[in-house]
Amino acid sequence: MVSLPIGVGPGAAASALAGPEMPGTSIAGIPWPGRTPTPEREPLSLPFLGRSDALAALDGALDRALQLGAPQFVTVFGAAGLGKTRLCERWVETPREGCRFVTVPAPRPGLRPEPFGWLGAILRCRLGVSEAVTAEEMLFQFRSELRNVFGDRRVAEVAGLLGRCLGLSLPEGPLAQVLASRPDQESELARAALARFLEADAAKKPLVLLLDDVHLADDETLAALESLAGELGPVPFMLVATAAPDLVVQRPGWGRGAGFHTRIDLRRLSLAEVDATLRAALGAEAID
């Protein structure tokens, strides 16, 4: 046991416990003079193996969207940790000329933006609008993007409806007066406006939306996503959603209303695939 005189601070206590100062040693992670710092190890990068069938299914859906001009909906089901998000990231890494990929992060449980739930985040990601910008900046960018998509047609009406998803105030006008008298129709009209926006957007250039962990979204957003299948016209549009298996318990009709819906169920990697992954990452010699 080391005895310390009264008044000795914790630094001295640590020195006493550590013993005599020797080159190459350290206390509390602080190297002594003359010690060569240990270089930080780079994070282990695992190769992507064992998902060829899932990647082929995603490729097939995109081919149908591009060649047939038919909207495609894909849901990637799997338990937490099976690599749903990594699968989509890997798929997007392959260059595809002429396609736009918009990734929407997972919704934050309990933080439901009123009155249209996660739809605001989806629209914001498509427009490239940051939450940090001011309302005036957001409105300017929002209107500019709508004009790029629609030209001068129906911008005021669509801006009024979709702007509410972004927290923007609906400008005074005939539409505002109608919604004030029939607030129950606001969500339905906003869904229709979102469908028209995505339809016109994809008609200008193929669009792929990737939504992560949709099982965390609010009911309003899930209902809007389900209704898209029947509201979009013949355009090269694709929606890829990752979800936990219990989404079908929460929404039993999920995917049934879509004419072109593909379900991908991720399984656990086999022992052979795990072995091949480790060998590729560490080198066969390291685990033989």
C-alpha atoms as a PDB file:
ATOM      1  CA  MET A   1       0.000   0.000   0.000  1.00  0.00           C
ATOM      2  CA  VAL A   2       1.339   3.463  -0.921  1.00  0.00           C
ATOM      3  CA  SER A   3       1.123   6.155   1.776  1.00  0.00           C
ATOM      4  CA  LEU A   4       0.751   9.750   0.642  1.00  0.00           C
ATOM      5  CA  PRO A   5       1.296  12.910   2.668  1.00  0.00           C
ATOM      6  CA  ILE A   6      -1.674  15.126   3.403  1.00  0.00           C
ATOM      7  CA  GLY A   7      -2.409  17.515   0.560  1.00  0.00           C
ATOM      8  CA  VAL A   8      -1.103  15.307  -2.247  1.00  0.00           C
ATOM      9  CA  GLY A   9      -3.395  15.659  -5.271  1.00  0.00           C
ATOM     10  CA  PRO A  10      -4.668  12.952  -7.582  1.00  0.00           C
ATOM     11  CA  GLY A  11      -1.852  13.538 -10.071  1.00  0.00           C
ATOM     12  CA  ALA A  12       0.760  12.801  -7.474  1.00  0.00           C
ATOM     13  CA  ALA A  13      -1.264   9.840  -6.282  1.00  0.00           C
ATOM     14  CA  ALA A  14      -1.250   8.424  -9.762  1.00  0.00           C
ATOM     15  CA  SER A  15       2.506   8.948 -10.017  1.00  0.00           C
ATOM     16  CA  ALA A  16       3.090   7.187  -6.758  1.00  0.00           C
ATOM     17  CA  LEU A  17       0.930   4.261  -7.735  1.00  0.00           C
ATOM     18  CA  ALA A  18       2.630   3.998 -11.102  1.00  0.00           C
ATOM     19  CA  GLY A  19       6.104   3.741  -9.609  1.00  0.00           C
ATOM     20  CA  PRO A  20       9.251   5.472 -10.874  1.00  0.00           C
ATOM     21  CA  GLU A  21       9.160   7.457 -14.081  1.00  0.00           C
ATOM     22  CA  MET A  22      10.574   5.340 -16.879  1.00  0.00           C
ATOM     23  CA  PRO A  23      10.849   6.190 -20.562  1.00  0.00           C
ATOM     24  CA  GLY A  24       8.180   4.505 -22.593  1.00  0.00           C
ATOM     25  CA  THR A  25       5.597   4.450 -19.802  1.00  0.00           C
ATOM     26  CA  SER A  26       2.564   6.666 -19.324  1.00  0.00           C
ATOM     27  CA  ILE A  27       0.015   7.714 -16.739  1.00  0.00           C
ATOM     28  CA  ALA A  28      -3.631   8.253 -17.591  1.00  0.00           C
ATOM     29  CA  GLY A  29      -2.840   7.875 -21.272  1.00  0.00           C
ATOM     30  CA  ILE A  30      -0.234  10.730 -21.305  1.00  0.00           C
ATOM     31  CA  PRO A  31       3.075   9.455 -22.776  1.00  0.00           C
ATOM     32  CA  TRP A  32       6.367  10.248 -21.088  1.00  0.00           C
ATOM     33  CA  PRO A  33       8.994  12.190 -23.066  1.00  0.00           C
ATOM     34  CA  GLY A  34      10.862   9.973 -25.465  1.00  0.00           C
ATOM     35  CA  ARG A  35       7.998   7.556 -26.000  1.00  0.00           C
ATOM     36  CA  THR A  36       6.946   6.878 -29.573  1.00  0.00           C
ATOM     37  CA  PRO A  37       3.121   7.143 -29.827  1.00  0.00           C
ATOM     38  CA  THR A  38       1.391   3.986 -30.961  1.00  0.00           C
ATOM     39  CA  PRO A  39      -0.205   4.605 -34.369  1.00  0.00           C
ATOM     40  CA  GLU A  40      -3.974   4.331 -34.433  1.00  0.00           C
ATOM     41  CA  ARG A  41      -5.355   1.259 -36.136  1.00  0.00           C
ATOM     42  CA  GLU A  42      -7.545   1.772 -39.151  1.00  0.00           C
ATOM     43  CA  PRO A  43     -11.072   0.379 -38.747  1.00  0.00           C
ATOM     44  CA  LEU A  44     -11.555  -3.078 -40.168  1.00  0.00           C
ATOM     45  CA  SER A  45     -13.306  -2.979 -43.525  1.00  0.00           C
ATOM     46  CA  LEU A  46     -15.437  -6.037 -44.181  1.00  0.00           C
ATOM     47  CA  PRO A  47     -16.107  -7.084 -47.759  1.00  0.00           C
ATOM     48  CA  PHE A  48     -19.682  -7.327 -48.949  1.00  0.00           C
ATOM     49  CA  LEU A  49     -20.539 -10.969 -49.538  1.00  0.00           C
ATOM     50  CA  GLY A  50     -23.584 -13.208 -49.599  1.00  0.00           C
ATOM     51  CA  ARG A  51     -26.265 -10.813 -50.869  1.00  0.00           C
ATOM     52  CA  SER A  52     -26.111 -11.414 -54.599  1.00  0.00           C
ATOM     53  CA  ASP A  53     -29.790 -12.441 -54.812  1.00  0.00           C
ATOM     54  CA  ALA A  54     -30.926  -9.281 -53.024  1.00  0.00           C
ATOM     55  CA  LEU A  55     -28.754  -7.072 -55.228  1.00  0.00           C
ATOM     56  CA  ALA A  56     -30.124  -8.796 -58.316  1.00  0.00           C
ATOM     57  CA  ALA A  57     -33.694  -8.171 -57.138  1.00  0.00           C
ATOM     58  CA  LEU A  58     -32.952  -4.459 -56.671  1.00  0.00           C
ATOM     59  CA  ASP A  59     -31.334  -4.303 -60.114  1.00  0.00           C
ATOM     60  CA  GLY A  60     -34.344  -6.009 -61.662  1.00  0.00           C
ATOM     61  CA  ALA A  61     -36.767  -3.546 -60.105  1.00  0.00           C
ATOM     62  CA  LEU A  62     -34.720  -0.588 -61.324  1.00  0.00           C
ATOM     63  CA  ASP A  63     -34.549  -2.053 -64.825  1.00  0.00           C
ATOM     64  CA  ARG A  64     -38.343  -2.333 -64.913  1.00  0.00           C
ATOM     65  CA  ALA A  65     -38.712   1.257 -63.738  1.00  0.00           C
ATOM     66  CA  LEU A  66     -36.334   2.527 -66.421  1.00  0.00           C
ATOM     67  CA  GLN A  67     -37.370   0.328 -69.337  1.00  0.00           C
ATOM     68  CA  LEU A  68     -41.115   0.124 -68.748  1.00  0.00           C
ATOM     69  CA  GLY A  69     -41.634   3.503 -67.102  1.00  0.00           C
ATOM     70  CA  ALA A  70     -43.501   1.722 -64.328  1.00  0.00           C
ATOM     71  CA  PRO A  71     -43.082   2.838 -60.694  1.00  0.00           C
ATOM     72  CA  GLN A  72     -41.436   0.168 -58.572  1.00  0.00           C
ATOM     73  CA  PHE A  73     -41.710  -0.390 -54.825  1.00  0.00           C
ATOM     74  CA  VAL A  74     -39.233  -2.592 -52.958  1.00  0.00           C
ATOM     75  CA  THR A  75     -39.254  -3.469 -49.255  1.00  0.00           C
ATOM     76  CA  VAL A  76     -36.159  -5.013 -47.710  1.00  0.00           C
ATOM     77  CA  PHE A  77     -37.204  -6.905 -44.581  1.00  0.00           C
ATOM     78  CA  GLY A  78     -34.795  -8.095 -41.930  1.00  0.00           C
ATOM     79  CA  ALA A  79     -34.093  -8.083 -38.219  1.00  0.00           C
ATOM     80  CA  ALA A  80     -31.797  -5.468 -36.729  1.00  0.00           C
ATOM     81  CA  GLY A  81     -28.159  -6.062 -37.596  1.00  0.00           C
ATOM     82  CA  LEU A  82     -28.708  -8.162 -40.728  1.00  0.00           C
ATOM     83  CA  GLY A  83     -27.408  -5.435 -43.031  1.00  0.00           C
ATOM     84  CA  LYS A  84     -30.499  -3.853 -44.602  1.00  0.00           C
ATOM     85  CA  THR A  85     -28.948  -0.399 -44.718  1.00  0.00           C
ATOM     86  CA  ARG A  86     -25.568  -1.744 -45.836  1.00  0.00           C
ATOM     87  CA  LEU A  87     -27.265  -3.614 -48.663  1.00  0.00           C
ATOM     88  CA  CYS A  88     -28.818  -0.387 -49.977  1.00  0.00           C
ATOM     89  CA  GLU A  89     -25.543   1.487 -49.583  1.00  0.00           C
ATOM     90  CA  ARG A  90     -23.737  -1.201 -51.547  1.00  0.00           C
ATOM     91  CA  TRP A  91     -26.391  -1.154 -54.265  1.00  0.00           C
ATOM     92  CA  VAL A  92     -26.181   2.623 -54.668  1.00  0.00           C
ATOM     93  CA  GLU A  93     -22.388   2.446 -55.004  1.00  0.00           C
ATOM     94  CA  THR A  94     -22.777   1.052 -58.533  1.00  0.00           C
ATOM     95  CA  PRO A  95     -22.891   4.005 -60.963  1.00  0.00           C
ATOM     96  CA  ARG A  96     -26.075   4.279 -63.009  1.00  0.00           C
ATOM     97  CA  GLU A  97     -26.039   7.020 -65.563  1.00  0.00           C
ATOM     98  CA  GLY A  98     -29.045   9.308 -65.522  1.00  0.00           C
ATOM     99  CA  CYS A  99     -30.506   8.153 -62.175  1.00  0.00           C
ATOM    100  CA  ARG A 100     -30.867  10.239 -59.044  1.00  0.00           C
ATOM    101  CA  PHE A 101     -30.660   8.532 -55.665  1.00  0.00           C
ATOM    102  CA  VAL A 102     -32.099  10.293 -52.620  1.00  0.00           C
ATOM    103  CA  THR A 103     -31.464   8.667 -49.238  1.00  0.00           C
ATOM    104  CA  VAL A 104     -33.741   9.522 -46.317  1.00  0.00           C
ATOM    105  CA  PRO A 105     -32.412   8.662 -42.825  1.00  0.00           C
ATOM    106  CA  ALA A 106     -34.530   6.663 -40.406  1.00  0.00           C
ATOM    107  CA  PRO A 107     -37.292   8.610 -38.682  1.00  0.00           C
ATOM    108  CA  ARG A 108     -36.705   9.680 -35.107  1.00  0.00           C
ATOM    109  CA  PRO A 109     -39.264   8.007 -32.825  1.00  0.00           C
ATOM    110  CA  GLY A 110     -41.300  10.453 -30.787  1.00  0.00           C
ATOM    111  CA  LEU A 111     -40.337  13.471 -32.883  1.00  0.00           C
ATOM    112  CA  ARG A 112     -43.301  13.689 -35.220  1.00  0.00           C
ATOM    113  CA  PRO A 113     -43.325  16.922 -37.232  1.00  0.00           C
ATOM    114  CA  GLU A 114     -46.897  18.140 -37.486  1.00  0.00           C
ATOM    115  CA  PRO A 115     -49.070  17.724 -39.384  1.00  0.00           C
ATOM    116  CA  PHE A 116     -47.570  15.330 -41.945  1.00  0.00           C
ATOM    117  CA  GLY A 117     -45.120  13.239 -39.970  1.00  0.00           C
ATOM    118  CA  TRP A 118     -42.057  11.911 -41.766  1.00  0.00           C
ATOM    119  CA  LEU A 119     -43.238  13.235 -45.128  1.00  0.00           C
ATOM    120  CA  GLY A 120     -41.544  16.522 -44.319  1.00  0.00           C
ATOM    121  CA  ALA A 121     -38.163  14.781 -43.923  1.00  0.00           C
ATOM    122  CA  ILE A 122     -38.657  12.898 -47.204  1.00  0.00           C
ATOM    123  CA  LEU A 123     -39.505  16.089 -49.064  1.00  0.00           C
ATOM    124  CA  ARG A 124     -36.639  17.975 -47.409  1.00  0.00           C
ATOM    125  CA  CYS A 125     -34.112  15.334 -48.461  1.00  0.00           C
ATOM    126  CA  ARG A 126     -35.369  15.421 -52.037  1.00  0.00           C
ATOM    127  CA  LEU A 127     -35.132  19.212 -52.160  1.00  0.00           C
ATOM    128  CA  GLY A 128     -31.766  19.224 -50.432  1.00  0.00           C
ATOM    129  CA  VAL A 129     -33.064  21.636 -47.797  1.00  0.00           C
ATOM    130  CA  SER A 130     -31.262  21.631 -44.460  1.00  0.00           C
ATOM    131  CA  GLU A 131     -33.172  22.031 -41.210  1.00  0.00           C
ATOM    132  CA  ALA A 132     -30.648  24.719 -40.249  1.00  0.00           C
ATOM    133  CA  VAL A 133     -31.719  27.231 -42.919  1.00  0.00           C
ATOM    134  CA  THR A 134     -34.156  30.009 -42.151  1.00  0.00           C
ATOM    135  CA  ALA A 135     -37.798  29.836 -43.181  1.00  0.00           C
ATOM    136  CA  GLU A 136     -37.168  32.494 -45.845  1.00  0.00           C
ATOM    137  CA  GLU A 137     -34.249  30.535 -47.331  1.00  0.00           C
ATOM    138  CA  MET A 138     -36.248  27.323 -47.263  1.00  0.00           C
ATOM    139  CA  LEU A 139     -39.201  28.969 -48.986  1.00  0.00           C
ATOM    140  CA  PHE A 140     -36.980  30.422 -51.717  1.00  0.00           C
ATOM    141  CA  GLN A 141     -35.269  27.086 -52.409  1.00  0.00           C
ATOM    142  CA  PHE A 142     -38.590  25.261 -52.227  1.00  0.00           C
ATOM    143  CA  ARG A 143     -40.283  27.513 -54.793  1.00  0.00           C
ATOM    144  CA  SER A 144     -37.239  27.416 -57.091  1.00  0.00           C
ATOM    145  CA  GLU A 145     -37.238  23.620 -57.104  1.00  0.00           C
ATOM    146  CA  LEU A 146     -40.980  23.491 -57.772  1.00  0.00           C
ATOM    147  CA  ARG A 147     -40.529  25.753 -60.782  1.00  0.00           C
ATOM    148  CA  ASN A 148     -37.761  23.483 -62.064  1.00  0.00           C
ATOM    149  CA  VAL A 149     -40.100  20.504 -61.848  1.00  0.00           C
ATOM    150  CA  PHE A 150     -43.424  22.014 -62.899  1.00  0.00           C
ATOM    151  CA  GLY A 151     -42.375  25.073 -64.861  1.00  0.00           C
ATOM    152  CA  ASP A 152     -44.935  27.796 -64.217  1.00  0.00           C
ATOM    153  CA  ARG A 153     -47.831  25.367 -63.886  1.00  0.00           C
ATOM    154  CA  ARG A 154     -49.692  25.027 -60.576  1.00  0.00           C
ATOM    155  CA  VAL A 155     -46.721  26.198 -58.533  1.00  0.00           C
ATOM    156  CA  ALA A 156     -48.828  28.276 -56.139  1.00  0.00           C
ATOM    157  CA  GLU A 157     -51.263  25.441 -55.334  1.00  0.00           C
ATOM    158  CA  VAL A 158     -48.593  22.758 -54.991  1.00  0.00           C
ATOM    159  CA  ALA A 159     -46.359  25.065 -52.953  1.00  0.00           C
ATOM    160  CA  GLY A 160     -49.210  25.762 -50.582  1.00  0.00           C
ATOM    161  CA  LEU A 161     -49.917  22.090 -49.953  1.00  0.00           C
ATOM    162  CA  LEU A 162     -46.381  20.723 -49.844  1.00  0.00           C
ATOM    163  CA  GLY A 163     -45.107  23.735 -47.954  1.00  0.00           C
ATOM    164  CA  ARG A 164     -47.116  22.622 -44.940  1.00  0.00           C
ATOM    165  CA  CYS A 165     -45.037  19.423 -44.859  1.00  0.00           C
ATOM    166  CA  LEU A 166     -41.964  21.618 -44.380  1.00  0.00           C
ATOM    167  CA  GLY A 167     -43.573  23.768 -41.733  1.00  0.00           C
ATOM    168  CA  LEU A 168     -44.139  26.685 -44.104  1.00  0.00           C
ATOM    169  CA  SER A 169     -47.310  28.736 -43.766  1.00  0.00           C
ATOM    170  CA  LEU A 170     -49.978  28.298 -46.417  1.00  0.00           C
ATOM    171  CA  PRO A 171     -50.364  31.595 -48.305  1.00  0.00           C
ATOM    172  CA  GLU A 172     -53.747  33.238 -48.318  1.00  0.00           C
ATOM    173  CA  GLY A 173     -55.866  32.362 -51.322  1.00  0.00           C
ATOM    174  CA  PRO A 174     -58.793  30.239 -52.514  1.00  0.00           C
ATOM    175  CA  LEU A 175     -57.060  26.993 -51.538  1.00  0.00           C
ATOM    176  CA  ALA A 176     -56.341  28.231 -48.019  1.00  0.00           C
ATOM    177  CA  GLN A 177     -59.976  29.207 -47.599  1.00  0.00           C
ATOM    178  CA  VAL A 178     -61.177  25.775 -48.743  1.00  0.00           C
ATOM    179  CA  LEU A 179     -58.833  23.969 -46.350  1.00  0.00           C
ATOM    180  CA  ALA A 180     -59.860  26.246 -43.507  1.00  0.00           C
ATOM    181  CA  SER A 181     -63.457  25.133 -43.984  1.00  0.00           C
ATOM    182  CA  ARG A 182     -62.575  21.444 -44.592  1.00  0.00           C
ATOM    183  CA  PRO A 183     -59.436  20.637 -42.558  1.00  0.00           C
ATOM    184  CA  ASP A 184     -60.171  16.909 -42.916  1.00  0.00           C
ATOM    185  CA  GLN A 185     -59.220  17.136 -46.597  1.00  0.00           C
ATOM    186  CA  GLU A 186     -55.805  18.684 -46.017  1.00  0.00           C
ATOM    187  CA  SER A 187     -53.909  15.391 -45.570  1.00  0.00           C
ATOM    188  CA  GLU A 188     -55.581  13.827 -48.585  1.00  0.00           C
ATOM    189  CA  LEU A 189     -54.771  16.817 -50.795  1.00  0.00           C
ATOM    190  CA  ALA A 190     -51.187  16.936 -49.511  1.00  0.00           C
ATOM    191  CA  ARG A 191     -50.712  13.272 -50.442  1.00  0.00           C
ATOM    192  CA  ALA A 192     -52.038  13.959 -53.921  1.00  0.00           C
ATOM    193  CA  ALA A 193     -49.719  16.956 -54.266  1.00  0.00           C
ATOM    194  CA  LEU A 194     -46.733  14.859 -53.169  1.00  0.00           C
ATOM    195  CA  ALA A 195     -47.630  12.204 -55.746  1.00  0.00           C
ATOM    196  CA  ARG A 196     -47.889  14.827 -58.501  1.00  0.00           C
ATOM    197  CA  PHE A 197     -44.542  16.313 -57.479  1.00  0.00           C
ATOM    198  CA  LEU A 198     -42.743  12.943 -57.485  1.00  0.00           C
ATOM    199  CA  GLU A 199     -44.414  11.987 -60.754  1.00  0.00           C
ATOM    200  CA  ALA A 200     -43.368  15.204 -62.515  1.00  0.00           C
ATOM    201  CA  ASP A 201     -39.914  14.995 -60.932  1.00  0.00           C
ATOM    202  CA  ALA A 202     -39.295  11.414 -62.094  1.00  0.00           C
ATOM    203  CA  ALA A 203     -40.590  12.255 -65.574  1.00  0.00           C
ATOM    204  CA  LYS A 204     -37.770  14.784 -65.939  1.00  0.00           C
ATOM    205  CA  LYS A 205     -35.099  12.385 -64.628  1.00  0.00           C
ATOM    206  CA  PRO A 206     -35.401   8.876 -63.100  1.00  0.00           C
ATOM    207  CA  LEU A 207     -35.725   9.080 -59.324  1.00  0.00           C
ATOM    208  CA  VAL A 208     -34.954   6.489 -56.638  1.00  0.00           C
ATOM    209  CA  LEU A 209     -35.972   7.179 -53.031  1.00  0.00           C
ATOM    210  CA  LEU A 210     -34.305   5.074 -50.333  1.00  0.00           C
ATOM    211  CA  LEU A 211     -36.115   5.165 -46.985  1.00  0.00           C
ATOM    212  CA  ASP A 212     -34.434   3.625 -43.962  1.00  0.00           C
ATOM    213  CA  ASP A 213     -36.388   1.874 -41.170  1.00  0.00           C
ATOM    214  CA  VAL A 214     -39.892   2.810 -42.318  1.00  0.00           C
ATOM    215  CA  HIS A 215     -41.370   0.722 -39.479  1.00  0.00           C
ATOM    216  CA  LEU A 216     -40.449   3.653 -37.222  1.00  0.00           C
ATOM    217  CA  ALA A 217     -42.531   6.123 -39.229  1.00  0.00           C
ATOM    218  CA  ASP A 218     -45.881   7.461 -38.064  1.00  0.00           C
ATOM    219  CA  ASP A 219     -49.158   6.073 -39.407  1.00  0.00           C
ATOM    220  CA  GLU A 220     -49.812   9.173 -41.501  1.00  0.00           C
ATOM    221  CA  THR A 221     -46.568   8.737 -43.418  1.00  0.00           C
ATOM    222  CA  LEU A 222     -47.040   4.983 -43.871  1.00  0.00           C
ATOM    223  CA  ALA A 223     -50.521   5.549 -45.268  1.00  0.00           C
ATOM    224  CA  ALA A 224     -49.158   8.163 -47.674  1.00  0.00           C
ATOM    225  CA  LEU A 225     -46.390   5.830 -48.875  1.00  0.00           C
ATOM    226  CA  GLU A 226     -48.888   3.012 -49.414  1.00  0.00           C
ATOM    227  CA  SER A 227     -51.164   5.282 -51.437  1.00  0.00           C
ATOM    228  CA  LEU A 228     -48.342   6.352 -53.766  1.00  0.00           C
ATOM    229  CA  ALA A 229     -48.553   3.040 -55.581  1.00  0.00           C
ATOM    230  CA  GLY A 230     -51.981   3.805 -56.966  1.00  0.00           C
ATOM    231  CA  GLU A 231     -51.453   7.529 -57.540  1.00  0.00           C
ATOM    232  CA  LEU A 232     -48.260   7.665 -59.611  1.00  0.00           C
ATOM    233  CA  GLY A 233     -48.487   7.586 -63.378  1.00  0.00           C
ATOM    234  CA  PRO A 234     -46.133   5.727 -65.773  1.00  0.00           C
ATOM    235  CA  VAL A 235     -42.793   7.275 -64.812  1.00  0.00           C
ATOM    236  CA  PRO A 236     -39.319   5.856 -63.967  1.00  0.00           C
ATOM    237  CA  PHE A 237     -39.691   6.048 -60.202  1.00  0.00           C
ATOM    238  CA  MET A 238     -38.502   3.586 -57.569  1.00  0.00           C
ATOM    239  CA  LEU A 239     -38.977   3.533 -53.810  1.00  0.00           C
ATOM    240  CA  VAL A 240     -36.795   1.261 -51.683  1.00  0.00           C
ATOM    241  CA  ALA A 241     -37.738   0.898 -48.021  1.00  0.00           C
ATOM    242  CA  THR A 242     -35.967  -1.065 -45.314  1.00  0.00           C
ATOM    243  CA  ALA A 243     -38.098  -2.368 -42.472  1.00  0.00           C
ATOM    244  CA  ALA A 244     -38.254  -4.740 -39.540  1.00  0.00           C
ATOM    245  CA  PRO A 245     -40.455  -7.805 -40.085  1.00  0.00           C
ATOM    246  CA  ASP A 246     -43.113  -6.476 -37.701  1.00  0.00           C
ATOM    247  CA  LEU A 247     -44.079  -3.802 -40.244  1.00  0.00           C
ATOM    248  CA  VAL A 248     -46.513  -6.303 -41.758  1.00  0.00           C
ATOM    249  CA  VAL A 249     -48.108  -6.645 -38.322  1.00  0.00           C
ATOM    250  CA  GLN A 250     -48.387  -2.892 -38.020  1.00  0.00           C
ATOM    251  CA  ARG A 251     -49.573  -2.520 -41.639  1.00  0.00           C
ATOM    252  CA  PRO A 252     -51.028  -5.860 -42.847  1.00  0.00           C
ATOM    253  CA  GLY A 253     -51.748  -4.448 -46.299  1.00  0.00           C
ATOM    254  CA  TRP A 254     -48.229  -3.159 -46.874  1.00  0.00           C
ATOM    255  CA  GLY A 255     -47.217  -3.749 -50.489  1.00  0.00           C
ATOM    256  CA  ARG A 256     -50.521  -5.278 -51.570  1.00  0.00           C
ATOM    257  CA  GLY A 257     -51.758  -2.125 -53.271  1.00  0.00           C
ATOM    258  CA  ALA A 258     -48.623  -1.748 -55.359  1.00  0.00           C
ATOM    259  CA  GLY A 259     -48.769  -3.211 -58.842  1.00  0.00           C
ATOM    260  CA  PHE A 260     -44.998  -3.634 -58.855  1.00  0.00           C
ATOM    261  CA  HIS A 261     -43.939  -4.458 -55.327  1.00  0.00           C
ATOM    262  CA  THR A 262     -40.892  -6.607 -54.608  1.00  0.00           C
ATOM    263  CA  ARG A 263     -40.293  -8.092 -51.173  1.00  0.00           C
ATOM    264  CA  ILE A 264     -36.728  -8.984 -50.187  1.00  0.00           C
ATOM    265  CA  ASP A 265     -36.251 -11.001 -46.995  1.00  0.00           C
ATOM    266  CA  LEU A 266     -32.691 -10.904 -45.713  1.00  0.00           C
ATOM    267  CA  ARG A 267     -31.479 -14.051 -44.037  1.00  0.00           C
ATOM    268  CA  ARG A 268     -28.515 -14.538 -41.778  1.00  0.00           C
ATOM    269  CA  LEU A 269     -25.259 -15.292 -43.543  1.00  0.00           C
ATOM    270  CA  SER A 270     -24.314 -18.952 -43.650  1.00  0.00           C
ATOM    271  CA  LEU A 271     -21.238 -20.176 -41.813  1.00  0.00           C
ATOM    272  CA  ALA A 272     -19.461 -20.519 -45.152  1.00  0.00           C
ATOM    273  CA  GLU A 273     -20.274 -16.884 -46.023  1.00  0.00           C
ATOM    274  CA  VAL A 274     -19.112 -15.677 -42.603  1.00  0.00           C
ATOM    275  CA  ASP A 275     -15.880 -17.643 -43.033  1.00  0.00           C
ATOM    276  CA  ALA A 276     -15.342 -16.166 -46.500  1.00  0.00           C
ATOM    277  CA  THR A 277     -15.967 -12.658 -45.158  1.00  0.00           C
ATOM    278  CA  LEU A 278     -13.434 -13.075 -42.356  1.00  0.00           C
ATOM    279  CA  ARG A 279     -10.852 -14.599 -44.679  1.00  0.00           C
ATOM    280  CA  ALA A 280     -11.243 -11.729 -47.135  1.00  0.00           C
ATOM    281  CA  ALA A 281     -10.955  -9.121 -44.368  1.00  0.00           C
ATOM    282  CA  LEU A 282      -8.154 -10.639 -42.260  1.00  0.00           C
ATOM    283  CA  GLY A 283      -6.369 -12.800 -44.754  1.00  0.00           C
ATOM    284  CA  ALA A 284      -6.629 -16.567 -44.879  1.00  0.00           C
ATOM    285  CA  GLU A 285      -3.349 -16.998 -43.005  1.00  0.00           C
ATOM    286  CA  ALA A 286      -4.688 -15.134 -39.965  1.00  0.00           C
ATOM    287  CA  ILE A 287      -7.455 -17.611 -39.249  1.00  0.00           C
ATOM    288  CA  ASP A 288      -6.036 -20.895 -40.552  1.00  0.00           C
END
